[in-house]
Amino acid sequence: MTKAPRPKSMRNARGMRDVSAATAGPADEQTLHIEMHRLLTEKARLERELQMWMANVDRIKTRMAELDSQLTQVRSAANEMAARATADAKSKGADWDEVPFTYGGS
């Protein structure tokens, strides 16, 4: 009599349902109905969970699009500010780029 190979992890371990299903004889009608109900219940739960995740994905995609739009606006404002600072430095005749800096709350 040979032993079954040891599972590499708990994920590969067989549960009581697996053992009993493999060794059980023909099921009666009541057992079949119970099994069908269990499977239908799990399918309904998974469908609800899938709808929830899809709604989350849609919400996340919408928020990411909003963030991309905001980033574009901020980048263009930063580029305009840098261009103005460069133009101001060149109009003053400076040989280097000048960045105004104020210290404090004013």
N, C-alpha and C. Protein backbone atom coordinates (compact mmCIF):
# COMPACT_ATOMS: atom_id res chain seq x y z
N MET A 1 0.85 -1.17 0.00
CA MET A 1 0.00 0.00 0.00
C MET A 1 0.90 1.23 0.00
N THR A 2 0.71 2.11 -0.97
CA THR A 2 1.55 3.30 -1.07
C THR A 2 0.83 4.49 -0.46
N LYS A 3 1.62 5.35 0.11
CA LYS A 3 1.06 6.55 0.71
C LYS A 3 0.89 7.63 -0.35
N ALA A 4 -0.08 8.51 -0.12
CA ALA A 4 -0.27 9.65 -1.02
C ALA A 4 0.88 10.62 -0.80
N PRO A 5 1.33 11.29 -1.86
CA PRO A 5 2.44 12.24 -1.69
C PRO A 5 2.02 13.39 -0.78
N ARG A 6 2.99 13.88 -0.01
CA ARG A 6 2.71 15.00 0.90
C ARG A 6 2.49 16.27 0.09
N PRO A 7 1.49 17.07 0.47
CA PRO A 7 1.28 18.33 -0.26
C PRO A 7 2.42 19.30 0.02
N LYS A 8 2.76 20.11 -0.98
CA LYS A 8 3.85 21.07 -0.82
C LYS A 8 3.42 22.26 0.04
N SER A 9 2.14 22.56 0.04
CA SER A 9 1.63 23.66 0.87
C SER A 9 0.19 23.34 1.24
N MET A 10 -0.37 24.16 2.11
CA MET A 10 -1.76 23.93 2.53
C MET A 10 -2.72 24.13 1.36
N ARG A 11 -2.33 24.93 0.38
CA ARG A 11 -3.19 25.15 -0.78
C ARG A 11 -3.41 23.85 -1.54
N ASN A 12 -2.39 22.97 -1.53
CA ASN A 12 -2.50 21.71 -2.24
C ASN A 12 -3.08 20.58 -1.39
N ALA A 13 -3.31 20.84 -0.12
CA ALA A 13 -3.85 19.80 0.77
C ALA A 13 -5.30 19.51 0.41
N ARG A 14 -5.67 18.27 0.51
CA ARG A 14 -7.06 17.90 0.22
C ARG A 14 -7.90 18.08 1.47
N GLY A 15 -9.09 18.63 1.28
CA GLY A 15 -9.99 18.82 2.40
C GLY A 15 -10.95 17.65 2.53
N MET A 16 -11.79 17.71 3.53
CA MET A 16 -12.75 16.63 3.76
C MET A 16 -13.74 16.51 2.61
N ARG A 17 -14.09 17.65 1.99
CA ARG A 17 -15.01 17.56 0.85
C ARG A 17 -14.38 16.79 -0.29
N ASP A 18 -13.10 17.03 -0.54
CA ASP A 18 -12.41 16.32 -1.62
C ASP A 18 -12.33 14.84 -1.34
N VAL A 19 -11.99 14.50 -0.11
CA VAL A 19 -11.83 13.09 0.25
C VAL A 19 -13.18 12.40 0.21
N SER A 20 -14.21 13.02 0.77
CA SER A 20 -15.52 12.37 0.81
C SER A 20 -16.14 12.28 -0.58
N ALA A 21 -15.89 13.29 -1.43
CA ALA A 21 -16.45 13.25 -2.78
C ALA A 21 -15.78 12.16 -3.61
N ALA A 22 -14.51 11.95 -3.38
CA ALA A 22 -13.78 10.94 -4.15
C ALA A 22 -14.13 9.53 -3.71
N THR A 23 -14.47 9.36 -2.44
CA THR A 23 -14.72 8.01 -1.93
C THR A 23 -16.20 7.68 -1.82
N ALA A 24 -17.06 8.67 -1.97
CA ALA A 24 -18.50 8.44 -1.79
C ALA A 24 -19.06 7.66 -2.98
N GLY A 25 -20.08 6.92 -2.69
CA GLY A 25 -20.76 6.17 -3.73
C GLY A 25 -21.75 7.08 -4.45
N PRO A 26 -22.69 6.52 -5.15
CA PRO A 26 -23.68 7.32 -5.86
C PRO A 26 -24.50 8.15 -4.87
N ALA A 27 -24.72 9.40 -5.23
CA ALA A 27 -25.45 10.31 -4.35
C ALA A 27 -26.95 10.14 -4.55
N ASP A 28 -27.68 10.36 -3.50
CA ASP A 28 -29.13 10.31 -3.63
C ASP A 28 -29.65 11.67 -4.11
N GLU A 29 -30.93 11.75 -4.36
CA GLU A 29 -31.53 12.96 -4.94
C GLU A 29 -31.40 14.16 -4.01
N GLN A 30 -31.59 13.96 -2.72
CA GLN A 30 -31.50 15.06 -1.76
C GLN A 30 -30.07 15.63 -1.73
N THR A 31 -29.08 14.79 -1.76
CA THR A 31 -27.69 15.24 -1.76
C THR A 31 -27.38 16.04 -3.01
N LEU A 32 -27.91 15.59 -4.16
CA LEU A 32 -27.70 16.32 -5.40
C LEU A 32 -28.33 17.72 -5.34
N HIS A 33 -29.52 17.81 -4.76
CA HIS A 33 -30.18 19.11 -4.64
C HIS A 33 -29.41 20.05 -3.70
N ILE A 34 -28.90 19.49 -2.63
CA ILE A 34 -28.12 20.29 -1.68
C ILE A 34 -26.84 20.80 -2.36
N GLU A 35 -26.18 19.92 -3.10
CA GLU A 35 -24.95 20.32 -3.81
C GLU A 35 -25.25 21.37 -4.87
N MET A 36 -26.35 21.20 -5.60
CA MET A 36 -26.74 22.19 -6.62
C MET A 36 -27.04 23.53 -5.96
N HIS A 37 -27.72 23.54 -4.84
CA HIS A 37 -28.02 24.78 -4.12
C HIS A 37 -26.73 25.46 -3.66
N ARG A 38 -25.80 24.67 -3.15
CA ARG A 38 -24.53 25.23 -2.69
C ARG A 38 -23.78 25.88 -3.85
N LEU A 39 -23.75 25.20 -4.99
CA LEU A 39 -23.04 25.74 -6.15
C LEU A 39 -23.72 26.99 -6.69
N LEU A 40 -25.05 27.00 -6.74
CA LEU A 40 -25.77 28.18 -7.22
C LEU A 40 -25.59 29.37 -6.29
N THR A 41 -25.56 29.10 -5.00
CA THR A 41 -25.35 30.17 -4.01
C THR A 41 -23.96 30.78 -4.18
N GLU A 42 -22.96 29.92 -4.35
CA GLU A 42 -21.60 30.42 -4.54
C GLU A 42 -21.48 31.20 -5.84
N LYS A 43 -22.13 30.73 -6.90
CA LYS A 43 -22.09 31.45 -8.18
C LYS A 43 -22.72 32.83 -8.04
N ALA A 44 -23.86 32.93 -7.35
CA ALA A 44 -24.51 34.22 -7.15
C ALA A 44 -23.63 35.16 -6.34
N ARG A 45 -22.96 34.62 -5.32
CA ARG A 45 -22.06 35.44 -4.50
C ARG A 45 -20.90 35.97 -5.35
N LEU A 46 -20.33 35.11 -6.17
CA LEU A 46 -19.22 35.52 -7.01
C LEU A 46 -19.65 36.55 -8.06
N GLU A 47 -20.86 36.41 -8.59
CA GLU A 47 -21.36 37.40 -9.55
C GLU A 47 -21.53 38.76 -8.89
N ARG A 48 -22.05 38.77 -7.64
CA ARG A 48 -22.18 40.05 -6.91
C ARG A 48 -20.81 40.66 -6.65
N GLU A 49 -19.86 39.81 -6.26
CA GLU A 49 -18.51 40.30 -5.99
C GLU A 49 -17.87 40.86 -7.26
N LEU A 50 -18.08 40.19 -8.39
CA LEU A 50 -17.55 40.67 -9.66
C LEU A 50 -18.14 42.03 -10.03
N GLN A 51 -19.44 42.20 -9.84
CA GLN A 51 -20.07 43.50 -10.12
C GLN A 51 -19.49 44.58 -9.23
N MET A 52 -19.25 44.26 -7.96
CA MET A 52 -18.67 45.23 -7.03
C MET A 52 -17.28 45.64 -7.50
N TRP A 53 -16.45 44.66 -7.90
CA TRP A 53 -15.09 44.97 -8.35
C TRP A 53 -15.11 45.76 -9.65
N MET A 54 -16.02 45.44 -10.55
CA MET A 54 -16.10 46.19 -11.80
C MET A 54 -16.51 47.64 -11.54
N ALA A 55 -17.42 47.84 -10.59
CA ALA A 55 -17.80 49.21 -10.22
C ALA A 55 -16.61 49.95 -9.63
N ASN A 56 -15.82 49.26 -8.81
CA ASN A 56 -14.61 49.88 -8.26
C ASN A 56 -13.63 50.24 -9.36
N VAL A 57 -13.45 49.36 -10.33
CA VAL A 57 -12.53 49.63 -11.44
C VAL A 57 -12.99 50.86 -12.21
N ASP A 58 -14.30 50.96 -12.48
CA ASP A 58 -14.83 52.12 -13.20
C ASP A 58 -14.59 53.40 -12.40
N ARG A 59 -14.81 53.34 -11.10
CA ARG A 59 -14.61 54.51 -10.24
C ARG A 59 -13.14 54.92 -10.24
N ILE A 60 -12.25 53.95 -10.18
CA ILE A 60 -10.81 54.24 -10.16
C ILE A 60 -10.37 54.83 -11.50
N LYS A 61 -10.87 54.28 -12.61
CA LYS A 61 -10.51 54.82 -13.92
C LYS A 61 -10.98 56.26 -14.08
N THR A 62 -12.18 56.56 -13.58
CA THR A 62 -12.70 57.93 -13.63
C THR A 62 -11.81 58.87 -12.83
N ARG A 63 -11.42 58.45 -11.64
CA ARG A 63 -10.57 59.29 -10.80
C ARG A 63 -9.20 59.49 -11.42
N MET A 64 -8.66 58.44 -12.05
CA MET A 64 -7.35 58.58 -12.71
C MET A 64 -7.43 59.56 -13.88
N ALA A 65 -8.52 59.55 -14.62
CA ALA A 65 -8.69 60.50 -15.71
C ALA A 65 -8.76 61.92 -15.17
N GLU A 66 -9.46 62.12 -14.04
CA GLU A 66 -9.52 63.44 -13.41
C GLU A 66 -8.13 63.90 -12.99
N LEU A 67 -7.35 62.98 -12.40
CA LEU A 67 -6.00 63.32 -11.97
C LEU A 67 -5.10 63.66 -13.15
N ASP A 68 -5.24 62.94 -14.26
CA ASP A 68 -4.45 63.26 -15.45
C ASP A 68 -4.77 64.67 -15.95
N SER A 69 -6.04 65.02 -15.94
CA SER A 69 -6.45 66.36 -16.36
C SER A 69 -5.86 67.42 -15.43
N GLN A 70 -5.93 67.18 -14.14
CA GLN A 70 -5.38 68.14 -13.18
C GLN A 70 -3.86 68.25 -13.33
N LEU A 71 -3.18 67.12 -13.55
CA LEU A 71 -1.73 67.15 -13.75
C LEU A 71 -1.36 67.95 -15.00
N THR A 72 -2.13 67.81 -16.05
CA THR A 72 -1.88 68.56 -17.28
C THR A 72 -2.00 70.06 -17.02
N GLN A 73 -3.02 70.46 -16.27
CA GLN A 73 -3.21 71.87 -15.95
C GLN A 73 -2.05 72.40 -15.10
N VAL A 74 -1.63 71.62 -14.11
CA VAL A 74 -0.55 72.07 -13.23
C VAL A 74 0.76 72.15 -14.00
N ARG A 75 1.02 71.18 -14.86
CA ARG A 75 2.25 71.20 -15.65
C ARG A 75 2.29 72.41 -16.58
N SER A 76 1.17 72.71 -17.23
CA SER A 76 1.15 73.88 -18.12
C SER A 76 1.35 75.16 -17.33
N ALA A 77 0.76 75.26 -16.14
CA ALA A 77 0.96 76.44 -15.31
C ALA A 77 2.42 76.55 -14.88
N ALA A 78 3.06 75.44 -14.54
CA ALA A 78 4.46 75.45 -14.14
C ALA A 78 5.35 75.84 -15.32
N ASN A 79 5.03 75.34 -16.50
CA ASN A 79 5.81 75.70 -17.69
C ASN A 79 5.68 77.19 -18.00
N GLU A 80 4.46 77.74 -17.88
CA GLU A 80 4.26 79.17 -18.10
C GLU A 80 5.04 79.99 -17.09
N MET A 81 5.03 79.56 -15.84
CA MET A 81 5.75 80.27 -14.79
C MET A 81 7.26 80.25 -15.06
N ALA A 82 7.78 79.10 -15.48
CA ALA A 82 9.20 79.00 -15.79
C ALA A 82 9.56 79.86 -16.99
N ALA A 83 8.69 79.89 -17.99
CA ALA A 83 8.95 80.72 -19.17
C ALA A 83 8.97 82.19 -18.80
N ARG A 84 8.04 82.63 -17.95
CA ARG A 84 8.02 84.02 -17.50
C ARG A 84 9.28 84.37 -16.70
N ALA A 85 9.71 83.46 -15.84
CA ALA A 85 10.91 83.70 -15.04
C ALA A 85 12.13 83.81 -15.94
N THR A 86 12.21 82.97 -16.97
CA THR A 86 13.33 83.03 -17.91
C THR A 86 13.30 84.33 -18.70
N ALA A 87 12.12 84.71 -19.14
CA ALA A 87 11.97 85.96 -19.91
C ALA A 87 12.34 87.16 -19.04
N ASP A 88 11.94 87.16 -17.78
CA ASP A 88 12.28 88.26 -16.87
C ASP A 88 13.79 88.34 -16.66
N ALA A 89 14.44 87.19 -16.51
CA ALA A 89 15.88 87.17 -16.28
C ALA A 89 16.62 87.68 -17.51
N LYS A 90 16.14 87.30 -18.70
CA LYS A 90 16.78 87.76 -19.93
C LYS A 90 16.55 89.25 -20.16
N SER A 91 15.37 89.75 -19.76
CA SER A 91 15.09 91.18 -19.94
C SER A 91 15.95 92.03 -19.01
N LYS A 92 16.37 91.48 -17.91
CA LYS A 92 17.23 92.22 -16.98
C LYS A 92 18.69 92.16 -17.42
N GLY A 93 18.99 91.36 -18.44
CA GLY A 93 20.34 91.26 -18.95
C GLY A 93 21.22 90.34 -18.13
N ALA A 94 20.63 89.45 -17.37
CA ALA A 94 21.43 88.54 -16.55
C ALA A 94 21.98 87.43 -17.42
N ASP A 95 23.15 86.95 -17.06
CA ASP A 95 23.78 85.87 -17.80
C ASP A 95 23.36 84.50 -17.27
N TRP A 96 22.60 84.49 -16.23
CA TRP A 96 22.18 83.22 -15.64
C TRP A 96 20.68 83.26 -15.39
N ASP A 97 20.10 82.10 -15.18
CA ASP A 97 18.67 82.02 -14.88
C ASP A 97 18.48 82.42 -13.43
N GLU A 98 17.51 83.27 -13.20
CA GLU A 98 17.25 83.78 -11.86
C GLU A 98 15.88 83.30 -11.41
N VAL A 99 15.82 82.78 -10.22
CA VAL A 99 14.55 82.31 -9.66
C VAL A 99 14.28 83.16 -8.42
N PRO A 100 13.19 83.92 -8.43
CA PRO A 100 12.89 84.74 -7.24
C PRO A 100 12.51 83.86 -6.06
N PHE A 101 12.96 84.20 -4.89
CA PHE A 101 12.69 83.43 -3.69
C PHE A 101 12.37 84.38 -2.56
N THR A 102 11.22 84.18 -1.95
CA THR A 102 10.87 84.98 -0.78
C THR A 102 10.80 84.06 0.41
N TYR A 103 11.36 84.51 1.49
CA TYR A 103 11.39 83.72 2.70
C TYR A 103 10.34 84.23 3.65
N GLY A 104 9.60 83.31 4.24
CA GLY A 104 8.59 83.72 5.22
C GLY A 104 7.21 83.71 4.61
N GLY A 105 6.29 84.28 5.34
CA GLY A 105 4.88 84.23 4.96
C GLY A 105 4.45 85.33 4.03
N SER A 106 5.30 86.30 3.72
CA SER A 106 4.86 87.40 2.87
C SER A 106 5.22 87.22 1.41
